[in-house]
Amino acid sequence: MYPNMNNYEELYRQMELLVSNIEKAINGEYSAVQCYDQLAKLASRQDEKQQLQEIRADEQKHLESFLQIYTSLTGRQYQPKITEECPSVYKEGVELAFRDEQETVDFYLDIADQANNQFIKDTFRRASADEQNHAVWFLYFLSKMLSQ
């Protein structure tokens, strides 16, 4: 008896979606690394510069983890692309980063839910928690700007 081909087709579609979402996550992290480096240079306060570099370091770790997962799933290297330009005005960059980090929290949780592999689930859940923490920092930066 032959296995049900619909199961293979469904598994293939799920894997395609997972790989596509991981590509999107890689590009998002790559874009964030570049943007947060730029924002750190634009920040006028030293404590904000330092926190932005710490956030950037988290994003770099996510990028490296996601690239590793991508390669293990596909057997190929992925070349990240900048998918969203970073504003050249600090306040606009912080606002964009806040919104992006908030949206990314749910996106990473969705990826964790899609994955069957525990390492992938754990990696994206941890990244989601980091993104939520980053969003809080960006909200703090925005609130400080409004109170000045």
N, C-alpha and C. Protein backbone atom coordinates (compact mmCIF):
# COMPACT_ATOMS: atom_id res chain seq x y z
N MET A 1 0.83 -1.18 0.00
CA MET A 1 0.00 0.00 0.00
C MET A 1 0.89 1.25 0.00
N TYR A 2 0.52 2.24 -0.79
CA TYR A 2 1.30 3.47 -0.89
C TYR A 2 0.82 4.48 0.14
N PRO A 3 1.77 5.29 0.65
CA PRO A 3 1.37 6.33 1.60
C PRO A 3 0.48 7.35 0.89
N ASN A 4 -0.32 8.02 1.65
CA ASN A 4 -1.24 9.03 1.14
C ASN A 4 -0.43 10.22 0.63
N MET A 5 -0.54 10.51 -0.66
CA MET A 5 0.21 11.62 -1.27
C MET A 5 -0.23 12.97 -0.73
N ASN A 6 -1.48 13.06 -0.28
CA ASN A 6 -1.94 14.34 0.27
C ASN A 6 -1.15 14.72 1.51
N ASN A 7 -0.73 13.72 2.30
CA ASN A 7 0.09 14.01 3.48
C ASN A 7 1.43 14.60 3.06
N TYR A 8 2.05 14.05 2.03
CA TYR A 8 3.33 14.58 1.55
C TYR A 8 3.15 16.00 1.02
N GLU A 9 2.08 16.21 0.27
CA GLU A 9 1.83 17.55 -0.28
C GLU A 9 1.61 18.56 0.84
N GLU A 10 0.88 18.15 1.86
CA GLU A 10 0.63 19.05 2.99
C GLU A 10 1.92 19.34 3.74
N LEU A 11 2.72 18.33 3.98
CA LEU A 11 4.01 18.52 4.65
C LEU A 11 4.92 19.44 3.84
N TYR A 12 4.90 19.25 2.52
CA TYR A 12 5.71 20.09 1.63
C TYR A 12 5.26 21.54 1.71
N ARG A 13 3.95 21.78 1.70
CA ARG A 13 3.41 23.15 1.80
C ARG A 13 3.78 23.78 3.14
N GLN A 14 3.69 22.99 4.20
CA GLN A 14 4.05 23.50 5.53
C GLN A 14 5.54 23.87 5.58
N MET A 15 6.37 23.03 4.99
CA MET A 15 7.81 23.30 4.98
C MET A 15 8.10 24.54 4.14
N GLU A 16 7.44 24.68 2.99
CA GLU A 16 7.62 25.87 2.15
C GLU A 16 7.25 27.13 2.91
N LEU A 17 6.14 27.10 3.64
CA LEU A 17 5.70 28.25 4.41
C LEU A 17 6.71 28.57 5.52
N LEU A 18 7.18 27.54 6.21
CA LEU A 18 8.15 27.74 7.27
C LEU A 18 9.43 28.37 6.72
N VAL A 19 9.93 27.83 5.63
CA VAL A 19 11.16 28.36 5.03
C VAL A 19 10.95 29.81 4.57
N SER A 20 9.82 30.09 3.97
CA SER A 20 9.51 31.45 3.52
C SER A 20 9.45 32.42 4.70
N ASN A 21 8.83 31.99 5.79
CA ASN A 21 8.76 32.84 6.98
C ASN A 21 10.13 33.04 7.61
N ILE A 22 10.96 32.02 7.57
CA ILE A 22 12.32 32.17 8.11
C ILE A 22 13.12 33.14 7.24
N GLU A 23 12.93 33.10 5.93
CA GLU A 23 13.59 34.08 5.05
C GLU A 23 13.16 35.49 5.43
N LYS A 24 11.87 35.67 5.66
CA LYS A 24 11.36 36.99 6.06
C LYS A 24 11.97 37.41 7.40
N ALA A 25 12.08 36.47 8.33
CA ALA A 25 12.67 36.77 9.64
C ALA A 25 14.14 37.15 9.49
N ILE A 26 14.86 36.43 8.65
CA ILE A 26 16.28 36.73 8.41
C ILE A 26 16.42 38.15 7.85
N ASN A 27 15.62 38.47 6.86
CA ASN A 27 15.69 39.81 6.26
C ASN A 27 15.33 40.89 7.28
N GLY A 28 14.34 40.61 8.12
CA GLY A 28 13.95 41.56 9.16
C GLY A 28 15.07 41.80 10.16
N GLU A 29 15.72 40.72 10.58
CA GLU A 29 16.82 40.86 11.53
C GLU A 29 18.00 41.60 10.89
N TYR A 30 18.30 41.25 9.65
CA TYR A 30 19.40 41.91 8.93
C TYR A 30 19.12 43.41 8.81
N SER A 31 17.89 43.76 8.46
CA SER A 31 17.50 45.17 8.35
C SER A 31 17.61 45.87 9.70
N ALA A 32 17.18 45.18 10.76
CA ALA A 32 17.23 45.76 12.11
C ALA A 32 18.67 46.00 12.55
N VAL A 33 19.55 45.06 12.28
CA VAL A 33 20.96 45.22 12.65
C VAL A 33 21.52 46.49 12.02
N GLN A 34 21.24 46.67 10.74
CA GLN A 34 21.74 47.86 10.03
C GLN A 34 21.11 49.13 10.60
N CYS A 35 19.81 49.10 10.82
CA CYS A 35 19.08 50.28 11.29
C CYS A 35 19.52 50.67 12.70
N TYR A 36 19.65 49.70 13.59
CA TYR A 36 19.98 50.02 14.97
C TYR A 36 21.41 50.54 15.09
N ASP A 37 22.25 50.12 14.20
CA ASP A 37 23.60 50.68 14.16
C ASP A 37 23.52 52.16 13.78
N GLN A 38 22.70 52.45 12.79
CA GLN A 38 22.50 53.84 12.35
C GLN A 38 21.86 54.67 13.47
N LEU A 39 20.84 54.11 14.14
CA LEU A 39 20.18 54.85 15.22
C LEU A 39 21.14 55.13 16.38
N ALA A 40 22.00 54.18 16.68
CA ALA A 40 22.98 54.39 17.76
C ALA A 40 23.90 55.57 17.43
N LYS A 41 24.23 55.72 16.16
CA LYS A 41 25.07 56.85 15.75
C LYS A 41 24.31 58.17 15.84
N LEU A 42 22.99 58.12 15.65
CA LEU A 42 22.17 59.34 15.70
C LEU A 42 21.77 59.73 17.11
N ALA A 43 21.77 58.79 18.04
CA ALA A 43 21.32 59.06 19.41
C ALA A 43 22.22 60.10 20.06
N SER A 44 21.62 61.03 20.79
CA SER A 44 22.41 62.08 21.43
C SER A 44 22.84 61.69 22.84
N ARG A 45 22.10 60.79 23.46
CA ARG A 45 22.42 60.37 24.83
C ARG A 45 23.26 59.08 24.82
N GLN A 46 24.27 59.06 25.64
CA GLN A 46 25.18 57.91 25.70
C GLN A 46 24.46 56.64 26.16
N ASP A 47 23.54 56.77 27.13
CA ASP A 47 22.83 55.58 27.61
C ASP A 47 21.97 54.97 26.51
N GLU A 48 21.38 55.80 25.66
CA GLU A 48 20.58 55.29 24.55
C GLU A 48 21.48 54.64 23.50
N LYS A 49 22.62 55.25 23.22
CA LYS A 49 23.58 54.65 22.28
C LYS A 49 23.95 53.24 22.74
N GLN A 50 24.26 53.12 24.03
CA GLN A 50 24.68 51.83 24.58
C GLN A 50 23.55 50.81 24.51
N GLN A 51 22.33 51.23 24.86
CA GLN A 51 21.20 50.30 24.81
C GLN A 51 20.90 49.87 23.37
N LEU A 52 21.01 50.78 22.44
CA LEU A 52 20.81 50.44 21.03
C LEU A 52 21.84 49.44 20.55
N GLN A 53 23.08 49.56 21.01
CA GLN A 53 24.11 48.59 20.63
C GLN A 53 23.81 47.21 21.24
N GLU A 54 23.26 47.19 22.46
CA GLU A 54 22.87 45.92 23.08
C GLU A 54 21.72 45.28 22.30
N ILE A 55 20.74 46.08 21.91
CA ILE A 55 19.62 45.57 21.12
C ILE A 55 20.14 45.05 19.79
N ARG A 56 21.04 45.81 19.17
CA ARG A 56 21.64 45.40 17.89
C ARG A 56 22.35 44.06 18.05
N ALA A 57 23.04 43.86 19.16
CA ALA A 57 23.75 42.59 19.40
C ALA A 57 22.75 41.43 19.51
N ASP A 58 21.61 41.66 20.16
CA ASP A 58 20.56 40.63 20.22
C ASP A 58 20.07 40.29 18.82
N GLU A 59 19.84 41.33 18.01
CA GLU A 59 19.34 41.11 16.65
C GLU A 59 20.37 40.33 15.82
N GLN A 60 21.65 40.61 16.04
CA GLN A 60 22.71 39.89 15.33
C GLN A 60 22.68 38.41 15.72
N LYS A 61 22.46 38.12 17.00
CA LYS A 61 22.36 36.72 17.45
C LYS A 61 21.17 36.03 16.81
N HIS A 62 20.04 36.73 16.75
CA HIS A 62 18.85 36.16 16.09
C HIS A 62 19.18 35.85 14.63
N LEU A 63 19.80 36.82 13.96
CA LEU A 63 20.15 36.65 12.55
C LEU A 63 20.99 35.39 12.36
N GLU A 64 22.01 35.24 13.16
CA GLU A 64 22.90 34.08 13.04
C GLU A 64 22.15 32.77 13.31
N SER A 65 21.28 32.76 14.31
CA SER A 65 20.49 31.55 14.62
C SER A 65 19.55 31.21 13.47
N PHE A 66 18.89 32.23 12.93
CA PHE A 66 17.93 31.99 11.85
C PHE A 66 18.64 31.51 10.59
N LEU A 67 19.80 32.08 10.32
CA LEU A 67 20.58 31.61 9.16
C LEU A 67 20.98 30.15 9.33
N GLN A 68 21.36 29.78 10.54
CA GLN A 68 21.73 28.38 10.82
C GLN A 68 20.53 27.46 10.61
N ILE A 69 19.38 27.86 11.10
CA ILE A 69 18.17 27.06 10.93
C ILE A 69 17.84 26.93 9.45
N TYR A 70 17.90 28.04 8.73
CA TYR A 70 17.61 28.02 7.29
C TYR A 70 18.51 27.03 6.57
N THR A 71 19.80 27.10 6.86
CA THR A 71 20.75 26.20 6.20
C THR A 71 20.47 24.75 6.56
N SER A 72 20.12 24.48 7.81
CA SER A 72 19.85 23.09 8.20
C SER A 72 18.57 22.57 7.54
N LEU A 73 17.61 23.45 7.29
CA LEU A 73 16.36 23.01 6.65
C LEU A 73 16.50 22.84 5.14
N THR A 74 17.28 23.72 4.52
CA THR A 74 17.33 23.75 3.05
C THR A 74 18.62 23.21 2.45
N GLY A 75 19.68 23.17 3.25
CA GLY A 75 20.97 22.77 2.72
C GLY A 75 21.64 23.89 1.92
N ARG A 76 21.08 25.09 1.97
CA ARG A 76 21.61 26.23 1.22
C ARG A 76 21.92 27.39 2.17
N GLN A 77 22.83 28.24 1.73
CA GLN A 77 23.10 29.49 2.44
C GLN A 77 22.08 30.52 1.95
N TYR A 78 21.67 31.42 2.82
CA TYR A 78 20.75 32.48 2.43
C TYR A 78 21.48 33.80 2.50
N GLN A 79 21.30 34.63 1.50
CA GLN A 79 21.91 35.96 1.48
C GLN A 79 20.86 36.99 1.92
N PRO A 80 20.99 37.53 3.14
CA PRO A 80 19.98 38.48 3.64
C PRO A 80 19.91 39.75 2.81
N LYS A 81 18.73 40.36 2.85
CA LYS A 81 18.48 41.60 2.12
C LYS A 81 17.85 42.62 3.06
N ILE A 82 18.15 43.88 2.83
CA ILE A 82 17.46 44.94 3.58
C ILE A 82 16.08 45.09 2.96
N THR A 83 15.06 44.91 3.77
CA THR A 83 13.69 44.97 3.26
C THR A 83 12.96 46.23 3.69
N GLU A 84 13.55 46.97 4.62
CA GLU A 84 12.93 48.22 5.06
C GLU A 84 14.03 49.22 5.37
N GLU A 85 13.96 50.35 4.73
CA GLU A 85 14.97 51.38 4.95
C GLU A 85 14.76 52.03 6.32
N CYS A 86 15.85 52.37 6.93
CA CYS A 86 15.83 53.01 8.24
C CYS A 86 15.74 54.52 8.06
N PRO A 87 14.81 55.18 8.75
CA PRO A 87 14.74 56.64 8.65
C PRO A 87 16.04 57.29 9.12
N SER A 88 16.36 58.42 8.55
CA SER A 88 17.59 59.12 8.91
C SER A 88 17.36 60.09 10.07
N VAL A 89 16.11 60.23 10.51
CA VAL A 89 15.78 61.08 11.66
C VAL A 89 15.57 60.14 12.86
N TYR A 90 16.27 60.44 13.95
CA TYR A 90 16.28 59.54 15.12
C TYR A 90 14.87 59.18 15.61
N LYS A 91 14.04 60.19 15.85
CA LYS A 91 12.70 59.94 16.40
C LYS A 91 11.89 59.03 15.46
N GLU A 92 11.95 59.30 14.17
CA GLU A 92 11.22 58.47 13.21
C GLU A 92 11.75 57.04 13.21
N GLY A 93 13.05 56.88 13.36
CA GLY A 93 13.66 55.55 13.42
C GLY A 93 13.21 54.79 14.66
N VAL A 94 13.15 55.48 15.79
CA VAL A 94 12.71 54.84 17.03
C VAL A 94 11.23 54.44 16.92
N GLU A 95 10.41 55.30 16.34
CA GLU A 95 8.99 54.97 16.16
C GLU A 95 8.83 53.75 15.26
N LEU A 96 9.57 53.72 14.16
CA LEU A 96 9.51 52.57 13.25
C LEU A 96 9.98 51.31 13.97
N ALA A 97 11.08 51.41 14.72
CA ALA A 97 11.62 50.26 15.44
C ALA A 97 10.60 49.74 16.46
N PHE A 98 9.93 50.63 17.18
CA PHE A 98 8.92 50.21 18.16
C PHE A 98 7.82 49.39 17.48
N ARG A 99 7.26 49.94 16.40
CA ARG A 99 6.17 49.23 15.69
C ARG A 99 6.66 47.89 15.14
N ASP A 100 7.85 47.90 14.55
CA ASP A 100 8.40 46.68 13.97
C ASP A 100 8.63 45.60 15.02
N GLU A 101 9.21 45.99 16.15
CA GLU A 101 9.47 45.02 17.22
C GLU A 101 8.15 44.41 17.72
N GLN A 102 7.13 45.25 17.89
CA GLN A 102 5.83 44.74 18.35
C GLN A 102 5.23 43.74 17.36
N GLU A 103 5.27 44.07 16.08
CA GLU A 103 4.73 43.16 15.06
C GLU A 103 5.53 41.86 14.99
N THR A 104 6.81 41.97 15.21
CA THR A 104 7.69 40.81 15.12
C THR A 104 7.43 39.80 16.24
N VAL A 105 7.00 40.28 17.40
CA VAL A 105 6.69 39.39 18.51
C VAL A 105 5.70 38.32 18.06
N ASP A 106 4.59 38.74 17.49
CA ASP A 106 3.55 37.80 17.05
C ASP A 106 4.02 36.94 15.89
N PHE A 107 4.76 37.54 14.96
CA PHE A 107 5.26 36.80 13.81
C PHE A 107 6.16 35.64 14.26
N TYR A 108 7.04 35.91 15.21
CA TYR A 108 7.94 34.85 15.68
C TYR A 108 7.18 33.78 16.46
N LEU A 109 6.16 34.17 17.19
CA LEU A 109 5.34 33.16 17.88
C LEU A 109 4.61 32.29 16.87
N ASP A 110 4.16 32.89 15.76
CA ASP A 110 3.52 32.11 14.70
C ASP A 110 4.50 31.10 14.10
N ILE A 111 5.73 31.52 13.87
CA ILE A 111 6.74 30.61 13.33
C ILE A 111 6.98 29.47 14.31
N ALA A 112 7.09 29.80 15.59
CA ALA A 112 7.29 28.75 16.61
C ALA A 112 6.14 27.74 16.58
N ASP A 113 4.94 28.24 16.39
CA ASP A 113 3.77 27.34 16.33
C ASP A 113 3.78 26.48 15.07
N GLN A 114 4.30 26.99 13.96
CA GLN A 114 4.35 26.24 12.70
C GLN A 114 5.36 25.11 12.75
N ALA A 115 6.43 25.32 13.48
CA ALA A 115 7.56 24.39 13.46
C ALA A 115 7.24 23.11 14.24
N ASN A 116 7.76 22.01 13.72
CA ASN A 116 7.65 20.73 14.42
C ASN A 116 8.90 20.45 15.24
N ASN A 117 9.99 21.10 14.91
CA ASN A 117 11.27 20.89 15.54
C ASN A 117 11.36 21.73 16.82
N GLN A 118 11.71 21.10 17.93
CA GLN A 118 11.75 21.79 19.23
C GLN A 118 12.79 22.91 19.26
N PHE A 119 13.94 22.69 18.63
CA PHE A 119 14.98 23.73 18.60
C PHE A 119 14.45 24.98 17.89
N ILE A 120 13.76 24.79 16.77
CA ILE A 120 13.20 25.93 16.04
C ILE A 120 12.15 26.63 16.89
N LYS A 121 11.27 25.85 17.52
CA LYS A 121 10.25 26.43 18.40
C LYS A 121 10.89 27.28 19.49
N ASP A 122 11.88 26.69 20.17
CA ASP A 122 12.52 27.39 21.28
C ASP A 122 13.27 28.64 20.81
N THR A 123 13.94 28.55 19.68
CA THR A 123 14.70 29.68 19.16
C THR A 123 13.77 30.85 18.84
N PHE A 124 12.64 30.58 18.20
CA PHE A 124 11.73 31.67 17.83
C PHE A 124 10.95 32.19 19.03
N ARG A 125 10.65 31.34 20.00
CA ARG A 125 9.99 31.83 21.22
C ARG A 125 10.93 32.76 21.99
N ARG A 126 12.19 32.37 22.08
CA ARG A 126 13.17 33.21 22.78
C ARG A 126 13.35 34.54 22.03
N ALA A 127 13.44 34.47 20.72
CA ALA A 127 13.58 35.70 19.92
C ALA A 127 12.35 36.59 20.11
N SER A 128 11.17 35.99 20.19
CA SER A 128 9.95 36.76 20.41
C SER A 128 10.01 37.51 21.74
N ALA A 129 10.49 36.85 22.79
CA ALA A 129 10.62 37.50 24.09
C ALA A 129 11.62 38.65 24.02
N ASP A 130 12.72 38.45 23.30
CA ASP A 130 13.70 39.52 23.12
C ASP A 130 13.07 40.71 22.39
N GLU A 131 12.28 40.43 21.36
CA GLU A 131 11.65 41.50 20.58
C GLU A 131 10.71 42.31 21.46
N GLN A 132 9.99 41.63 22.35
CA GLN A 132 9.08 42.35 23.25
C GLN A 132 9.89 43.26 24.18
N ASN A 133 11.01 42.76 24.66
CA ASN A 133 11.89 43.57 25.51
C ASN A 133 12.42 44.78 24.74
N HIS A 134 12.80 44.57 23.49
CA HIS A 134 13.28 45.67 22.67
C HIS A 134 12.19 46.73 22.49
N ALA A 135 10.97 46.27 22.25
CA ALA A 135 9.85 47.21 22.06
C ALA A 135 9.68 48.09 23.30
N VAL A 136 9.84 47.50 24.47
CA VAL A 136 9.73 48.28 25.71
C VAL A 136 10.81 49.37 25.75
N TRP A 137 12.03 49.02 25.35
CA TRP A 137 13.10 50.02 25.32
C TRP A 137 12.76 51.15 24.34
N PHE A 138 12.27 50.80 23.17
CA PHE A 138 11.94 51.85 22.20
C PHE A 138 10.79 52.72 22.70
N LEU A 139 9.83 52.11 23.37
CA LEU A 139 8.74 52.89 23.96
C LEU A 139 9.29 53.83 25.03
N TYR A 140 10.24 53.38 25.81
CA TYR A 140 10.89 54.21 26.82
C TYR A 140 11.60 55.39 26.16
N PHE A 141 12.34 55.12 25.07
CA PHE A 141 13.02 56.21 24.37
C PHE A 141 12.00 57.23 23.86
N LEU A 142 10.89 56.75 23.30
CA LEU A 142 9.85 57.66 22.80
C LEU A 142 9.23 58.48 23.92
N SER A 143 8.96 57.85 25.05
CA SER A 143 8.35 58.58 26.16
C SER A 143 9.29 59.66 26.69
N LYS A 144 10.60 59.38 26.69
CA LYS A 144 11.57 60.38 27.12
C LYS A 144 11.58 61.57 26.15
N MET A 145 11.46 61.28 24.86
CA MET A 145 11.45 62.36 23.85
C MET A 145 10.22 63.26 24.06
N LEU A 146 9.08 62.64 24.37
CA LEU A 146 7.85 63.40 24.53
C LEU A 146 7.85 64.25 25.81
N SER A 147 8.60 63.80 26.82
CA SER A 147 8.61 64.53 28.07
C SER A 147 9.63 65.66 28.09
N GLN A 148 10.43 65.76 27.05
CA GLN A 148 11.46 66.83 27.02
C GLN A 148 10.94 68.09 26.41
